[in-house]
Amino acid sequence: MGGKQLRGIKGGAAVKAFLRAGGIKKSTKGSHVNIKMANGQLITIPVTKELKIGLLKDALRKAGLTESQFLELL
């Protein structure tokens, strides 16, 4: 996948998807949410805006999810 499906995803939707994938919401600071994934990685997601592709792909890599797995969780 090239990432076209990852465009236009809001931070709030991404946070919910990471929580469905087994993440635990740790803390919120300003407009950012920290999620600890089952593999021990900590992901920080800005909730208030549309996510950039690079940030989202890095979060997926840390979470151990593929793009298709993430899209199914949305």
Protein backbone atom coordinates (compact mmCIF):
# COMPACT_ATOMS: atom_id res chain seq x y z
CA MET A 1 0.00 0.00 0.00
CA GLY A 2 1.25 3.43 -0.83
CA GLY A 3 -0.39 5.35 1.96
CA LYS A 4 -3.27 6.88 0.00
CA GLN A 5 -5.73 5.19 2.35
CA LEU A 6 -3.94 6.77 5.31
CA ARG A 7 -4.65 10.32 4.13
CA GLY A 8 -7.30 12.35 5.92
CA ILE A 9 -7.27 10.38 9.18
CA LYS A 10 -8.03 12.54 12.22
CA GLY A 11 -6.07 12.12 15.43
CA GLY A 12 -9.12 11.14 17.47
CA ALA A 13 -9.96 8.28 15.09
CA ALA A 14 -6.35 7.08 15.16
CA VAL A 15 -6.31 7.08 18.97
CA LYS A 16 -9.47 4.94 19.05
CA ALA A 17 -7.93 2.51 16.53
CA PHE A 18 -4.73 2.15 18.60
CA LEU A 19 -6.82 1.54 21.72
CA ARG A 20 -8.78 -1.18 19.87
CA ALA A 21 -5.43 -2.72 18.90
CA GLY A 22 -4.62 -3.23 22.58
CA GLY A 23 -3.10 0.11 23.52
CA ILE A 24 -3.64 1.75 26.90
CA LYS A 25 -4.19 5.50 27.17
CA LYS A 26 -1.47 6.77 29.50
CA SER A 27 -1.74 10.54 29.62
CA THR A 28 -2.84 13.63 27.81
CA LYS A 29 -0.79 16.80 27.56
CA GLY A 30 -2.39 19.64 25.69
CA SER A 31 -3.76 18.24 22.46
CA HIS A 32 -1.55 15.11 22.47
CA VAL A 33 -2.38 11.65 23.80
CA ASN A 34 0.18 9.06 24.87
CA ILE A 35 -0.73 5.43 24.22
CA LYS A 36 1.30 2.49 25.50
CA MET A 37 1.04 -0.45 23.15
CA ALA A 38 1.13 -4.11 24.18
CA ASN A 39 4.71 -4.40 22.84
CA GLY A 40 5.83 -1.69 25.30
CA GLN A 41 6.19 1.12 22.75
CA LEU A 42 4.83 4.56 23.58
CA ILE A 43 3.00 6.41 20.79
CA THR A 44 2.14 10.12 20.95
CA ILE A 45 -0.74 11.26 18.75
CA PRO A 46 -2.03 14.84 18.31
CA VAL A 47 -5.82 14.57 18.65
CA THR A 48 -6.98 17.90 17.28
CA LYS A 49 -5.96 17.68 13.63
CA GLU A 50 -5.47 15.49 10.59
CA LEU A 51 -2.36 13.32 10.93
CA LYS A 52 0.56 13.57 8.54
CA ILE A 53 1.50 10.38 6.73
CA GLY A 54 5.01 10.18 8.21
CA LEU A 55 3.77 10.50 11.78
CA LEU A 56 1.08 7.88 11.23
CA LYS A 57 3.45 5.41 9.53
CA ASP A 58 5.96 5.82 12.38
CA ALA A 59 3.19 5.18 14.93
CA LEU A 60 2.10 2.07 13.00
CA ARG A 61 5.69 0.78 12.96
CA LYS A 62 6.03 1.33 16.71
CA ALA A 63 2.68 -0.37 17.34
CA GLY A 64 3.61 -3.35 15.18
CA LEU A 65 0.60 -2.88 12.90
CA THR A 66 0.40 -2.97 9.12
CA GLU A 67 -1.52 -0.30 7.25
CA SER A 68 -4.29 -2.76 6.40
CA GLN A 69 -4.61 -3.90 10.04
CA PHE A 70 -4.86 -0.29 11.16
CA LEU A 71 -7.48 0.56 8.53
CA GLU A 72 -9.62 -2.37 9.71
CA LEU A 73 -9.54 -0.93 13.25
CA LEU A 74 -10.80 2.50 12.17
